[in-house]
Amino acid sequence: MTDQLTIRDLRRKWKPHKDRLGTQGGEHGHPTPIRFHRACSWLAEIENLTDAEDNDRTLIYQWIAFNALYGQWDEKRQEPKQDKTSWQDFLDQIVSLDESKYLESMLVENKKLVEAILDDEYLSKLFWRNPNQGTARQARRAKFASRTWYLEEKWTLILDRVMDRIYQIRCQLIHGAATYDGKLNRRSLKRCVMMLEHVMMSVLQVWIDHGADQDWGPMCYPPQG
């Protein structure tokens, strides 16, 4: 399983690409190794957390690492592009490159976790638009729909819907809509942390094995000086 790899392992696997691309990067370096380096720096910090149950910080660091990979610069407006559109397009590209089926295998291995996340109304935007029992039931329908998605091998769709749920709790944390170490969201948060760990390790494996020479788009805030 890819989750058994450490960040050091991933960096070691990436080094030949880093060395090769480093000769093509110009003054400030090639953007692909910079994205990889930024992502791994945040994931490495998770390994250094003294409290293994600090899921608030863990999820924030995980998402920053993910954002380092998918972030896109809008050259016309001179600012980062819309967040959700950027990560959805990025995952589409990652899945299309995944000849080794890292993501497919990960989603199959963690089907119960996927269903648990899709069965959690508190991770659904639909529920929060009008929180009540009716919208809660509607939000949980995604769990049953996912069983068809699995049969039809719609891996991009499954990944998109799961990440959309994780994005919901990410936004709650980042925008101050949750209490640090609060009691109300512990189960939801723990599930999202577990899932995002699986996703990130799989994505980085695809990046290393099949994505080194891809054009990942304009990078946000490249190094200066």
C-alpha atoms as a PDB file:
ATOM      1  CA  MET A   1       0.000   0.000   0.000  1.00  0.00           C
ATOM      2  CA  THR A   2       1.218   3.533  -0.758  1.00  0.00           C
ATOM      3  CA  ASP A   3       0.291   4.697   2.762  1.00  0.00           C
ATOM      4  CA  GLN A   4       3.191   2.685   4.183  1.00  0.00           C
ATOM      5  CA  LEU A   5       5.635   5.025   2.479  1.00  0.00           C
ATOM      6  CA  THR A   6       7.064   7.932   4.442  1.00  0.00           C
ATOM      7  CA  ILE A   7       7.719  11.407   3.099  1.00  0.00           C
ATOM      8  CA  ARG A   8      11.408  10.504   3.070  1.00  0.00           C
ATOM      9  CA  ASP A   9      10.593   7.511   0.863  1.00  0.00           C
ATOM     10  CA  LEU A  10       8.653   9.704  -1.552  1.00  0.00           C
ATOM     11  CA  ARG A  11      11.438  12.264  -1.710  1.00  0.00           C
ATOM     12  CA  ARG A  12      13.942   9.524  -2.439  1.00  0.00           C
ATOM     13  CA  LYS A  13      11.788   8.205  -5.287  1.00  0.00           C
ATOM     14  CA  TRP A  14      11.374  11.728  -6.630  1.00  0.00           C
ATOM     15  CA  LYS A  15      15.077  12.683  -6.522  1.00  0.00           C
ATOM     16  CA  PRO A  16      16.003  11.439 -10.045  1.00  0.00           C
ATOM     17  CA  HIS A  17      13.224  13.615 -11.500  1.00  0.00           C
ATOM     18  CA  LYS A  18      14.252  16.525  -9.296  1.00  0.00           C
ATOM     19  CA  ASP A  19      17.847  16.297 -10.471  1.00  0.00           C
ATOM     20  CA  ARG A  20      16.826  15.993 -14.106  1.00  0.00           C
ATOM     21  CA  LEU A  21      14.297  18.809 -14.043  1.00  0.00           C
ATOM     22  CA  GLY A  22      16.605  21.010 -12.046  1.00  0.00           C
ATOM     23  CA  THR A  23      18.710  21.595 -15.138  1.00  0.00           C
ATOM     24  CA  GLN A  24      15.640  22.943 -16.991  1.00  0.00           C
ATOM     25  CA  GLY A  25      14.266  25.334 -14.418  1.00  0.00           C
ATOM     26  CA  GLY A  26      16.094  28.559 -15.015  1.00  0.00           C
ATOM     27  CA  GLU A  27      16.993  30.988 -12.256  1.00  0.00           C
ATOM     28  CA  HIS A  28      14.336  30.028  -9.721  1.00  0.00           C
ATOM     29  CA  GLY A  29      13.907  26.345 -10.495  1.00  0.00           C
ATOM     30  CA  HIS A  30      11.460  24.180 -12.426  1.00  0.00           C
ATOM     31  CA  PRO A  31       7.878  24.583 -11.090  1.00  0.00           C
ATOM     32  CA  THR A  32       7.133  20.845 -10.868  1.00  0.00           C
ATOM     33  CA  PRO A  33       9.857  20.053  -8.287  1.00  0.00           C
ATOM     34  CA  ILE A  34       8.920  23.218  -6.396  1.00  0.00           C
ATOM     35  CA  ARG A  35       5.295  22.070  -6.128  1.00  0.00           C
ATOM     36  CA  PHE A  36       6.451  18.647  -4.939  1.00  0.00           C
ATOM     37  CA  HIS A  37       8.860  20.161  -2.410  1.00  0.00           C
ATOM     38  CA  ARG A  38       6.217  22.485  -0.991  1.00  0.00           C
ATOM     39  CA  ALA A  39       3.704  19.653  -0.636  1.00  0.00           C
ATOM     40  CA  CYS A  40       6.171  17.336   1.093  1.00  0.00           C
ATOM     41  CA  SER A  41       7.294  20.077   3.478  1.00  0.00           C
ATOM     42  CA  TRP A  42       3.775  20.282   4.930  1.00  0.00           C
ATOM     43  CA  LEU A  43       3.242  16.530   4.994  1.00  0.00           C
ATOM     44  CA  ALA A  44       6.579  16.109   6.786  1.00  0.00           C
ATOM     45  CA  GLU A  45       5.360  18.524   9.443  1.00  0.00           C
ATOM     46  CA  ILE A  46       2.435  16.185  10.134  1.00  0.00           C
ATOM     47  CA  GLU A  47       4.922  13.418  10.873  1.00  0.00           C
ATOM     48  CA  ASN A  48       6.539  15.779  13.402  1.00  0.00           C
ATOM     49  CA  LEU A  49       3.325  16.520  15.310  1.00  0.00           C
ATOM     50  CA  THR A  50       3.713  15.374  18.902  1.00  0.00           C
ATOM     51  CA  ASP A  51      -0.030  14.794  19.289  1.00  0.00           C
ATOM     52  CA  ALA A  52      -1.143  12.080  16.872  1.00  0.00           C
ATOM     53  CA  GLU A  53      -4.778  13.041  17.527  1.00  0.00           C
ATOM     54  CA  ASP A  54      -4.349  16.698  16.528  1.00  0.00           C
ATOM     55  CA  ASN A  55      -6.642  16.203  13.568  1.00  0.00           C
ATOM     56  CA  ASP A  56      -7.409  19.904  13.203  1.00  0.00           C
ATOM     57  CA  ARG A  57      -3.825  20.797  12.363  1.00  0.00           C
ATOM     58  CA  THR A  58      -3.317  17.567  10.442  1.00  0.00           C
ATOM     59  CA  LEU A  59      -6.154  18.241   8.018  1.00  0.00           C
ATOM     60  CA  ILE A  60      -5.073  21.849   7.515  1.00  0.00           C
ATOM     61  CA  TYR A  61      -1.509  20.764   6.739  1.00  0.00           C
ATOM     62  CA  GLN A  62      -2.795  18.019   4.434  1.00  0.00           C
ATOM     63  CA  TRP A  63      -4.883  20.476   2.468  1.00  0.00           C
ATOM     64  CA  ILE A  64      -2.030  22.987   2.200  1.00  0.00           C
ATOM     65  CA  ALA A  65       0.096  20.180   0.757  1.00  0.00           C
ATOM     66  CA  PHE A  66      -2.669  19.320  -1.702  1.00  0.00           C
ATOM     67  CA  ASN A  67      -3.037  22.999  -2.603  1.00  0.00           C
ATOM     68  CA  ALA A  68       0.684  23.190  -3.366  1.00  0.00           C
ATOM     69  CA  LEU A  69       0.115  20.614  -6.088  1.00  0.00           C
ATOM     70  CA  TYR A  70      -3.130  21.879  -7.618  1.00  0.00           C
ATOM     71  CA  GLY A  71      -2.936  25.670  -7.190  1.00  0.00           C
ATOM     72  CA  GLN A  72      -3.201  27.658 -10.437  1.00  0.00           C
ATOM     73  CA  TRP A  73      -2.257  31.257 -11.138  1.00  0.00           C
ATOM     74  CA  ASP A  74      -4.681  33.358 -13.167  1.00  0.00           C
ATOM     75  CA  GLU A  75      -2.306  35.303 -15.378  1.00  0.00           C
ATOM     76  CA  LYS A  76      -5.029  37.672 -16.565  1.00  0.00           C
ATOM     77  CA  ARG A  77      -6.322  38.639 -13.116  1.00  0.00           C
ATOM     78  CA  GLN A  78      -2.934  38.202 -11.433  1.00  0.00           C
ATOM     79  CA  GLU A  79      -4.272  36.128  -8.556  1.00  0.00           C
ATOM     80  CA  PRO A  80      -4.874  32.438  -7.778  1.00  0.00           C
ATOM     81  CA  LYS A  81      -7.689  30.802  -9.706  1.00  0.00           C
ATOM     82  CA  GLN A  82     -10.851  29.589  -8.011  1.00  0.00           C
ATOM     83  CA  ASP A  83      -9.912  26.930  -5.500  1.00  0.00           C
ATOM     84  CA  LYS A  84     -12.518  24.254  -6.176  1.00  0.00           C
ATOM     85  CA  THR A  85     -12.216  24.412  -9.954  1.00  0.00           C
ATOM     86  CA  SER A  86      -8.448  24.075  -9.642  1.00  0.00           C
ATOM     87  CA  TRP A  87      -8.485  20.964  -7.479  1.00  0.00           C
ATOM     88  CA  GLN A  88     -11.204  19.298  -9.528  1.00  0.00           C
ATOM     89  CA  ASP A  89      -9.265  19.848 -12.760  1.00  0.00           C
ATOM     90  CA  PHE A  90      -6.104  18.635 -11.058  1.00  0.00           C
ATOM     91  CA  LEU A  91      -7.707  15.387  -9.886  1.00  0.00           C
ATOM     92  CA  ASP A  92      -9.122  14.787 -13.375  1.00  0.00           C
ATOM     93  CA  GLN A  93      -5.590  15.051 -14.725  1.00  0.00           C
ATOM     94  CA  ILE A  94      -4.138  12.830 -11.995  1.00  0.00           C
ATOM     95  CA  VAL A  95      -6.708  10.078 -12.591  1.00  0.00           C
ATOM     96  CA  SER A  96      -6.091  10.191 -16.339  1.00  0.00           C
ATOM     97  CA  LEU A  97      -2.352   9.731 -15.732  1.00  0.00           C
ATOM     98  CA  ASP A  98      -2.737   6.930 -13.196  1.00  0.00           C
ATOM     99  CA  GLU A  99      -1.589   3.992 -15.317  1.00  0.00           C
ATOM    100  CA  SER A 100      -0.558   2.176 -12.131  1.00  0.00           C
ATOM    101  CA  LYS A 101      -4.105   2.481 -10.729  1.00  0.00           C
ATOM    102  CA  TYR A 102      -2.934   3.816  -7.386  1.00  0.00           C
ATOM    103  CA  LEU A 103      -6.120   5.801  -6.884  1.00  0.00           C
ATOM    104  CA  GLU A 104      -8.426   3.028  -8.041  1.00  0.00           C
ATOM    105  CA  SER A 105      -6.784   0.565  -5.656  1.00  0.00           C
ATOM    106  CA  MET A 106      -6.925   3.091  -2.824  1.00  0.00           C
ATOM    107  CA  LEU A 107     -10.638   3.755  -3.346  1.00  0.00           C
ATOM    108  CA  VAL A 108     -11.418   0.031  -3.453  1.00  0.00           C
ATOM    109  CA  GLU A 109      -9.390  -0.672  -0.317  1.00  0.00           C
ATOM    110  CA  ASN A 110     -11.113   2.168   1.535  1.00  0.00           C
ATOM    111  CA  LYS A 111     -14.655   1.711   0.269  1.00  0.00           C
ATOM    112  CA  LYS A 112     -16.131   1.593   3.787  1.00  0.00           C
ATOM    113  CA  LEU A 113     -14.415   4.856   4.671  1.00  0.00           C
ATOM    114  CA  VAL A 114     -15.686   6.439   1.451  1.00  0.00           C
ATOM    115  CA  GLU A 115     -19.231   5.349   2.297  1.00  0.00           C
ATOM    116  CA  ALA A 116     -18.914   6.661   5.852  1.00  0.00           C
ATOM    117  CA  ILE A 117     -17.856  10.086   4.569  1.00  0.00           C
ATOM    118  CA  LEU A 118     -20.675  10.175   2.019  1.00  0.00           C
ATOM    119  CA  ASP A 119     -23.121   9.090   4.725  1.00  0.00           C
ATOM    120  CA  ASP A 120     -22.177  12.028   6.966  1.00  0.00           C
ATOM    121  CA  GLU A 121     -24.640  14.871   6.473  1.00  0.00           C
ATOM    122  CA  TYR A 122     -22.387  17.270   8.398  1.00  0.00           C
ATOM    123  CA  LEU A 123     -19.921  17.091   5.522  1.00  0.00           C
ATOM    124  CA  SER A 124     -22.559  18.013   2.947  1.00  0.00           C
ATOM    125  CA  LYS A 125     -23.133  21.514   1.566  1.00  0.00           C
ATOM    126  CA  LEU A 126     -26.721  20.526   0.843  1.00  0.00           C
ATOM    127  CA  PHE A 127     -27.402  19.897   4.527  1.00  0.00           C
ATOM    128  CA  TRP A 128     -25.911  23.198   5.686  1.00  0.00           C
ATOM    129  CA  ARG A 129     -28.039  25.216   3.274  1.00  0.00           C
ATOM    130  CA  ASN A 130     -31.079  24.254   5.360  1.00  0.00           C
ATOM    131  CA  PRO A 131     -30.183  21.927   8.254  1.00  0.00           C
ATOM    132  CA  ASN A 132     -33.088  19.598   9.003  1.00  0.00           C
ATOM    133  CA  GLN A 133     -33.950  15.898   8.898  1.00  0.00           C
ATOM    134  CA  GLY A 134     -35.090  16.110   5.288  1.00  0.00           C
ATOM    135  CA  THR A 135     -31.862  17.583   3.950  1.00  0.00           C
ATOM    136  CA  ALA A 136     -29.902  15.170   6.152  1.00  0.00           C
ATOM    137  CA  ARG A 137     -31.588  12.234   4.402  1.00  0.00           C
ATOM    138  CA  GLN A 138     -30.923  13.779   0.999  1.00  0.00           C
ATOM    139  CA  ALA A 139     -27.275  14.329   1.871  1.00  0.00           C
ATOM    140  CA  ARG A 140     -26.834  10.699   2.895  1.00  0.00           C
ATOM    141  CA  ARG A 141     -28.141   9.396  -0.435  1.00  0.00           C
ATOM    142  CA  ALA A 142     -24.653   9.808  -1.866  1.00  0.00           C
ATOM    143  CA  LYS A 143     -23.596   6.728   0.111  1.00  0.00           C
ATOM    144  CA  PHE A 144     -26.053   4.537  -1.785  1.00  0.00           C
ATOM    145  CA  ALA A 145     -25.291   6.216  -5.116  1.00  0.00           C
ATOM    146  CA  SER A 146     -21.611   5.439  -4.582  1.00  0.00           C
ATOM    147  CA  ARG A 147     -22.302   1.703  -4.741  1.00  0.00           C
ATOM    148  CA  THR A 148     -23.367   2.152  -8.359  1.00  0.00           C
ATOM    149  CA  TRP A 149     -20.349   4.359  -9.019  1.00  0.00           C
ATOM    150  CA  TYR A 150     -18.084   1.587  -7.756  1.00  0.00           C
ATOM    151  CA  LEU A 151     -19.755  -0.989  -9.975  1.00  0.00           C
ATOM    152  CA  GLU A 152     -19.370   1.316 -12.972  1.00  0.00           C
ATOM    153  CA  GLU A 153     -15.772   2.143 -11.980  1.00  0.00           C
ATOM    154  CA  LYS A 154     -16.396   5.892 -11.948  1.00  0.00           C
ATOM    155  CA  TRP A 155     -13.230   6.643  -9.990  1.00  0.00           C
ATOM    156  CA  THR A 156     -13.050  10.327 -10.875  1.00  0.00           C
ATOM    157  CA  LEU A 157     -16.633  10.865  -9.742  1.00  0.00           C
ATOM    158  CA  ILE A 158     -16.091   9.013  -6.465  1.00  0.00           C
ATOM    159  CA  LEU A 159     -12.920  10.954  -5.762  1.00  0.00           C
ATOM    160  CA  ASP A 160     -14.586  14.261  -6.602  1.00  0.00           C
ATOM    161  CA  ARG A 161     -17.551  13.643  -4.297  1.00  0.00           C
ATOM    162  CA  VAL A 162     -15.352  12.483  -1.416  1.00  0.00           C
ATOM    163  CA  MET A 163     -12.984  15.425  -1.786  1.00  0.00           C
ATOM    164  CA  ASP A 164     -15.949  17.784  -1.910  1.00  0.00           C
ATOM    165  CA  ARG A 165     -16.992  16.475   1.519  1.00  0.00           C
ATOM    166  CA  ILE A 166     -13.473  16.904   2.863  1.00  0.00           C
ATOM    167  CA  TYR A 167     -13.367  20.408   1.390  1.00  0.00           C
ATOM    168  CA  GLN A 168     -16.458  21.254   3.420  1.00  0.00           C
ATOM    169  CA  ILE A 169     -14.733  20.588   6.734  1.00  0.00           C
ATOM    170  CA  ARG A 170     -11.547  22.209   5.469  1.00  0.00           C
ATOM    171  CA  CYS A 171     -13.527  25.404   4.857  1.00  0.00           C
ATOM    172  CA  GLN A 172     -15.093  25.217   8.311  1.00  0.00           C
ATOM    173  CA  LEU A 173     -11.665  25.046   9.915  1.00  0.00           C
ATOM    174  CA  ILE A 174      -9.952  27.660   7.750  1.00  0.00           C
ATOM    175  CA  HIS A 175     -12.802  30.170   8.010  1.00  0.00           C
ATOM    176  CA  GLY A 176     -13.200  29.900  11.768  1.00  0.00           C
ATOM    177  CA  ALA A 177     -16.486  27.996  11.607  1.00  0.00           C
ATOM    178  CA  ALA A 178     -15.301  25.313  14.028  1.00  0.00           C
ATOM    179  CA  THR A 179     -13.696  25.234  17.459  1.00  0.00           C
ATOM    180  CA  TYR A 180     -10.138  23.957  17.765  1.00  0.00           C
ATOM    181  CA  ASP A 181     -10.294  20.441  19.213  1.00  0.00           C
ATOM    182  CA  GLY A 182     -14.069  20.847  19.453  1.00  0.00           C
ATOM    183  CA  LYS A 183     -16.223  17.909  20.478  1.00  0.00           C
ATOM    184  CA  LEU A 184     -18.872  18.174  17.775  1.00  0.00           C
ATOM    185  CA  ASN A 185     -16.856  17.327  14.676  1.00  0.00           C
ATOM    186  CA  ARG A 186     -14.311  14.768  15.948  1.00  0.00           C
ATOM    187  CA  ARG A 187     -15.695  11.740  14.102  1.00  0.00           C
ATOM    188  CA  SER A 188     -16.156  13.594  10.818  1.00  0.00           C
ATOM    189  CA  LEU A 189     -12.732  15.179  11.055  1.00  0.00           C
ATOM    190  CA  LYS A 190     -10.962  11.914  11.863  1.00  0.00           C
ATOM    191  CA  ARG A 191     -12.519  10.206   8.860  1.00  0.00           C
ATOM    192  CA  CYS A 192     -11.506  13.073   6.571  1.00  0.00           C
ATOM    193  CA  VAL A 193      -7.941  13.037   7.868  1.00  0.00           C
ATOM    194  CA  MET A 194      -7.695   9.307   7.232  1.00  0.00           C
ATOM    195  CA  MET A 195      -9.103   9.648   3.724  1.00  0.00           C
ATOM    196  CA  LEU A 196      -6.983  12.633   2.781  1.00  0.00           C
ATOM    197  CA  GLU A 197      -3.859  10.776   3.878  1.00  0.00           C
ATOM    198  CA  HIS A 198      -4.747   7.924   1.517  1.00  0.00           C
ATOM    199  CA  VAL A 199      -5.510  10.360  -1.297  1.00  0.00           C
ATOM    200  CA  MET A 200      -2.319  12.383  -0.895  1.00  0.00           C
ATOM    201  CA  MET A 201      -0.048   9.361  -0.806  1.00  0.00           C
ATOM    202  CA  SER A 202      -1.700   7.978  -3.939  1.00  0.00           C
ATOM    203  CA  VAL A 203      -1.585  11.323  -5.746  1.00  0.00           C
ATOM    204  CA  LEU A 204       2.108  11.763  -4.979  1.00  0.00           C
ATOM    205  CA  GLN A 205       2.814   8.275  -6.281  1.00  0.00           C
ATOM    206  CA  VAL A 206       1.082   9.154  -9.553  1.00  0.00           C
ATOM    207  CA  TRP A 207       3.014  12.448  -9.650  1.00  0.00           C
ATOM    208  CA  ILE A 208       6.341  10.614  -9.236  1.00  0.00           C
ATOM    209  CA  ASP A 209       5.681   7.689 -11.575  1.00  0.00           C
ATOM    210  CA  HIS A 210       3.680   9.376 -14.328  1.00  0.00           C
ATOM    211  CA  GLY A 211       3.543  13.141 -13.807  1.00  0.00           C
ATOM    212  CA  ALA A 212       7.083  14.459 -13.721  1.00  0.00           C
ATOM    213  CA  ASP A 213       6.961  15.732 -17.280  1.00  0.00           C
ATOM    214  CA  GLN A 214       3.394  17.016 -17.223  1.00  0.00           C
ATOM    215  CA  ASP A 215       2.480  20.671 -17.491  1.00  0.00           C
ATOM    216  CA  TRP A 216       0.797  21.424 -14.167  1.00  0.00           C
ATOM    217  CA  GLY A 217      -0.053  24.994 -15.088  1.00  0.00           C
ATOM    218  CA  PRO A 218       1.179  28.356 -13.792  1.00  0.00           C
ATOM    219  CA  MET A 219       2.368  28.032 -10.198  1.00  0.00           C
ATOM    220  CA  CYS A 220       1.188  30.466  -7.529  1.00  0.00           C
ATOM    221  CA  TYR A 221       3.848  32.658  -5.947  1.00  0.00           C
ATOM    222  CA  PRO A 222       7.068  31.154  -7.361  1.00  0.00           C
ATOM    223  CA  PRO A 223      10.256  31.695  -5.346  1.00  0.00           C
ATOM    224  CA  GLN A 224      11.901  35.101  -5.776  1.00  0.00           C
ATOM    225  CA  GLY A 225      15.460  36.086  -5.081  1.00  0.00           C
END
